[in-house]
Amino acid sequence: MKYIEFREIMGREFTVFSLADIRQADPAFHRRRLNEWREKGYIRKVIKGYYIFSDLARDEKILFEIANRIYAPSYVSFEMALAYYHLIPESVYGITSASTRKTMGFPTTLGEFTYRAIQPKLYFGFEYVPSHGRYCKIASPEKALLDYFYLNPELDDAEKFAALRVNREELAKAVDRRKMSSYLSAYAQKSLKKRVAAFWEYIKHA
């Protein structure tokens, strides 16, 4: 497969692609071509086995797509999702995601991709957000908050809640308390329920 044909096929189908994706289109493809194209600057490696085109115009949602793909199943959550919804200041380093696989981190030239393990029963509550003709998976505001509290059990008092610097106006607009309560029941954790209640009490009086 010549590069022009490769570019047309992969660019049409994928934001980030793997050798397996290429071989779906061309079973005889030899991976040495990838090395040649990397040396020529046509493509870039994200992590082992995954590549993007070097001239890919990257924005936040493109990075979300890449995060979803290179370590699946996963969806963007925690600090990154909270910042995306403007619930906390946008000073987040890297893309944080939830996955049913083990906790993992990938430092790349595109930034840090971090995945934190959740139980399979908690793999829900994400939305499919349009991204340049495709989509990316990101936690709803309610699920992002719960995921964050779930994996940060030290968040249990007003001082620590204040350190999050939550935008209360955006919180009121973005979060459906009834939906969040429904999601909370799936965690089946009394301590989490108690901490979430304390957080809402803090927001009420802050």
Protein backbone atom coordinates (compact mmCIF):
# COMPACT_ATOMS: atom_id res chain seq x y z
CA MET A 1 0.00 0.00 0.00
CA LYS A 2 1.41 3.39 -0.99
CA TYR A 3 1.31 6.23 1.50
CA ILE A 4 -1.30 8.25 -0.42
CA GLU A 5 -3.70 5.31 -0.39
CA PHE A 6 -2.85 4.57 3.23
CA ARG A 7 -3.53 8.19 4.19
CA GLU A 8 -6.87 8.22 2.43
CA ILE A 9 -8.10 5.00 4.04
CA MET A 10 -6.81 5.52 7.58
CA GLY A 11 -7.61 9.23 7.66
CA ARG A 12 -11.18 8.52 6.66
CA GLU A 13 -11.70 5.79 9.24
CA PHE A 14 -9.58 6.68 12.25
CA THR A 15 -8.20 9.49 14.37
CA VAL A 16 -5.67 7.12 15.94
CA PHE A 17 -4.89 3.82 14.26
CA SER A 18 -3.09 0.56 14.98
CA LEU A 19 -1.25 -2.01 12.91
CA ALA A 20 -4.33 -4.25 13.27
CA ASP A 21 -6.48 -1.49 11.74
CA ILE A 22 -4.10 -1.22 8.79
CA ARG A 23 -4.08 -4.95 8.22
CA GLN A 24 -7.87 -4.96 8.10
CA ALA A 25 -7.50 -2.86 4.95
CA ASP A 26 -4.34 -4.54 3.68
CA PRO A 27 -3.55 -8.00 5.15
CA ALA A 28 -0.15 -8.00 3.43
CA PHE A 29 0.96 -4.71 5.00
CA HIS A 30 4.44 -4.89 6.55
CA ARG A 31 5.11 -2.89 9.68
CA ARG A 32 8.48 -1.66 8.36
CA ARG A 33 6.47 0.80 6.28
CA LEU A 34 5.34 2.44 9.51
CA ASN A 35 8.96 2.91 10.53
CA GLU A 36 9.73 4.44 7.13
CA TRP A 37 6.80 6.83 7.38
CA ARG A 38 7.74 7.80 10.94
CA GLU A 39 11.27 8.61 9.79
CA LYS A 40 9.86 10.77 7.00
CA GLY A 41 7.64 12.58 9.51
CA TYR A 42 4.34 11.41 8.02
CA ILE A 43 3.08 9.71 11.16
CA ARG A 44 3.79 9.84 14.90
CA LYS A 45 3.64 7.09 17.51
CA VAL A 46 1.35 7.81 20.45
CA ILE A 47 2.12 4.67 22.46
CA LYS A 48 3.33 1.25 21.37
CA GLY A 49 1.05 0.03 18.61
CA TYR A 50 -0.92 3.27 18.08
CA TYR A 51 -0.22 6.10 15.64
CA ILE A 52 -1.60 9.40 14.37
CA PHE A 53 -0.82 11.46 11.30
CA SER A 54 1.79 14.10 12.11
CA ASP A 55 -0.33 16.93 10.72
CA LEU A 56 -3.44 15.98 12.69
CA ALA A 57 -5.03 19.17 14.05
CA ARG A 58 -5.26 18.39 17.75
CA ASP A 59 -7.76 19.91 20.13
CA GLU A 60 -9.30 18.77 23.40
CA LYS A 61 -11.82 16.39 21.84
CA ILE A 62 -9.21 14.83 19.56
CA LEU A 63 -7.14 14.09 22.66
CA PHE A 64 -10.25 12.58 24.27
CA GLU A 65 -10.71 10.33 21.24
CA ILE A 66 -7.10 9.22 21.48
CA ALA A 67 -7.48 8.56 25.21
CA ASN A 68 -10.56 6.41 24.58
CA ARG A 69 -8.81 4.37 21.93
CA ILE A 70 -5.32 3.64 23.25
CA TYR A 71 -6.57 2.02 26.48
CA ALA A 72 -10.04 0.58 26.07
CA PRO A 73 -12.58 0.31 27.48
CA SER A 74 -12.32 3.75 29.00
CA TYR A 75 -14.00 7.15 29.14
CA VAL A 76 -12.67 10.57 30.12
CA SER A 77 -13.55 11.40 33.73
CA PHE A 78 -12.19 12.77 37.02
CA GLU A 79 -10.32 16.09 36.84
CA MET A 80 -10.34 16.32 33.05
CA ALA A 81 -14.11 15.90 32.77
CA LEU A 82 -14.71 18.33 35.64
CA ALA A 83 -12.54 20.92 33.89
CA TYR A 84 -14.29 20.23 30.56
CA TYR A 85 -17.62 21.14 32.19
CA HIS A 86 -16.01 24.21 33.86
CA LEU A 87 -16.74 22.81 37.30
CA ILE A 88 -13.14 23.29 38.39
CA PRO A 89 -10.42 25.65 37.06
CA GLU A 90 -8.86 24.48 33.79
CA SER A 91 -5.42 23.76 35.19
CA VAL A 92 -5.55 19.99 34.72
CA TYR A 93 -2.37 18.26 33.65
CA GLY A 94 -3.03 15.47 31.16
CA ILE A 95 -6.11 13.47 30.23
CA THR A 96 -7.65 11.50 33.12
CA SER A 97 -9.91 8.56 32.34
CA ALA A 98 -11.78 5.73 34.05
CA SER A 99 -11.26 2.15 32.87
CA THR A 100 -12.27 -1.35 33.92
CA ARG A 101 -8.65 -2.35 33.32
CA LYS A 102 -5.82 -1.82 35.80
CA THR A 103 -4.60 1.67 36.68
CA MET A 104 -2.12 2.83 34.04
CA GLY A 105 -0.31 5.93 32.83
CA PHE A 106 1.20 6.78 29.45
CA PRO A 107 3.55 9.78 29.14
CA THR A 108 3.52 10.75 25.45
CA THR A 109 4.55 13.63 23.22
CA LEU A 110 0.86 14.61 23.17
CA GLY A 111 0.64 14.80 26.96
CA GLU A 112 0.01 12.44 29.85
CA PHE A 113 -2.79 9.89 29.54
CA THR A 114 -3.80 8.52 32.95
CA TYR A 115 -6.32 5.73 33.60
CA ARG A 116 -7.72 4.79 36.98
CA ALA A 117 -9.40 1.47 37.58
CA ILE A 118 -13.08 1.25 38.43
CA GLN A 119 -15.26 -1.80 38.96
CA PRO A 120 -17.03 -3.09 35.84
CA LYS A 121 -20.41 -2.33 37.44
CA LEU A 122 -19.42 1.36 37.53
CA TYR A 123 -18.66 1.56 33.83
CA PHE A 124 -21.64 3.72 32.91
CA GLY A 125 -22.75 7.34 33.02
CA PHE A 126 -20.67 8.57 30.09
CA GLU A 127 -21.85 10.45 27.03
CA TYR A 128 -20.89 10.21 23.37
CA VAL A 129 -19.75 13.71 22.48
CA PRO A 130 -19.39 14.63 18.76
CA SER A 131 -15.80 15.19 17.65
CA HIS A 132 -14.94 16.05 14.05
CA GLY A 133 -17.35 13.56 12.53
CA ARG A 134 -16.62 10.91 15.15
CA TYR A 135 -17.23 10.89 18.89
CA CYS A 136 -15.46 10.67 22.21
CA LYS A 137 -16.68 9.19 25.48
CA ILE A 138 -16.72 11.50 28.48
CA ALA A 139 -18.39 11.12 31.85
CA SER A 140 -21.52 13.14 32.47
CA PRO A 141 -21.00 15.91 35.06
CA GLU A 142 -22.75 13.75 37.68
CA LYS A 143 -20.60 10.69 36.97
CA ALA A 144 -17.37 12.69 36.81
CA LEU A 145 -18.03 14.03 40.30
CA LEU A 146 -18.88 10.62 41.68
CA ASP A 147 -15.86 8.97 40.06
CA TYR A 148 -13.64 11.68 41.53
CA PHE A 149 -15.06 11.30 45.03
CA TYR A 150 -15.00 7.52 44.79
CA LEU A 151 -11.28 7.35 44.06
CA ASN A 152 -10.33 10.21 46.39
CA PRO A 153 -11.66 9.07 49.79
CA GLU A 154 -9.66 11.78 51.55
CA LEU A 155 -12.21 14.34 50.31
CA ASP A 156 -14.31 14.43 53.43
CA ASP A 157 -14.48 17.93 54.92
CA ALA A 158 -15.09 21.58 54.07
CA GLU A 159 -11.40 22.48 53.86
CA LYS A 160 -10.74 19.80 51.25
CA PHE A 161 -13.92 20.65 49.34
CA ALA A 162 -12.79 24.29 49.24
CA ALA A 163 -9.44 23.23 47.76
CA LEU A 164 -11.28 21.90 44.68
CA ARG A 165 -12.34 25.48 43.87
CA VAL A 166 -15.65 24.28 42.45
CA ASN A 167 -17.54 26.82 40.33
CA ARG A 168 -20.89 26.80 42.12
CA GLU A 169 -22.75 28.56 39.31
CA GLU A 170 -21.61 26.00 36.73
CA LEU A 171 -22.30 23.20 39.21
CA ALA A 172 -25.90 24.35 39.61
CA LYS A 173 -26.37 24.48 35.82
CA ALA A 174 -24.59 21.25 34.91
CA VAL A 175 -25.44 18.76 37.65
CA ASP A 176 -28.80 17.04 38.04
CA ARG A 177 -28.96 16.09 41.73
CA ARG A 178 -31.58 13.39 41.10
CA LYS A 179 -29.47 11.76 38.39
CA MET A 180 -26.42 11.92 40.63
CA SER A 181 -28.36 10.28 43.46
CA SER A 182 -29.46 7.52 41.11
CA TYR A 183 -25.88 6.93 40.00
CA LEU A 184 -24.69 6.99 43.61
CA SER A 185 -26.78 3.94 44.49
CA ALA A 186 -24.72 1.82 42.06
CA TYR A 187 -21.57 2.40 44.13
CA ALA A 188 -23.19 0.80 47.19
CA GLN A 189 -20.75 2.55 49.50
CA LYS A 190 -22.06 4.23 52.64
CA SER A 191 -18.91 6.28 53.18
CA LEU A 192 -19.14 7.70 49.66
CA LYS A 193 -22.79 8.59 50.16
CA LYS A 194 -21.87 10.36 53.39
CA ARG A 195 -19.05 12.33 51.77
CA VAL A 196 -21.21 13.38 48.82
CA ALA A 197 -23.90 14.59 51.24
CA ALA A 198 -21.25 16.57 53.13
CA PHE A 199 -20.08 18.10 49.84
CA TRP A 200 -23.58 19.30 48.97
CA GLU A 201 -23.97 20.72 52.46
CA TYR A 202 -20.71 22.59 51.97
CA ILE A 203 -21.89 23.96 48.61
CA LYS A 204 -25.14 25.09 50.18
CA HIS A 205 -23.36 27.19 52.79
CA ALA A 206 -20.15 28.19 50.96
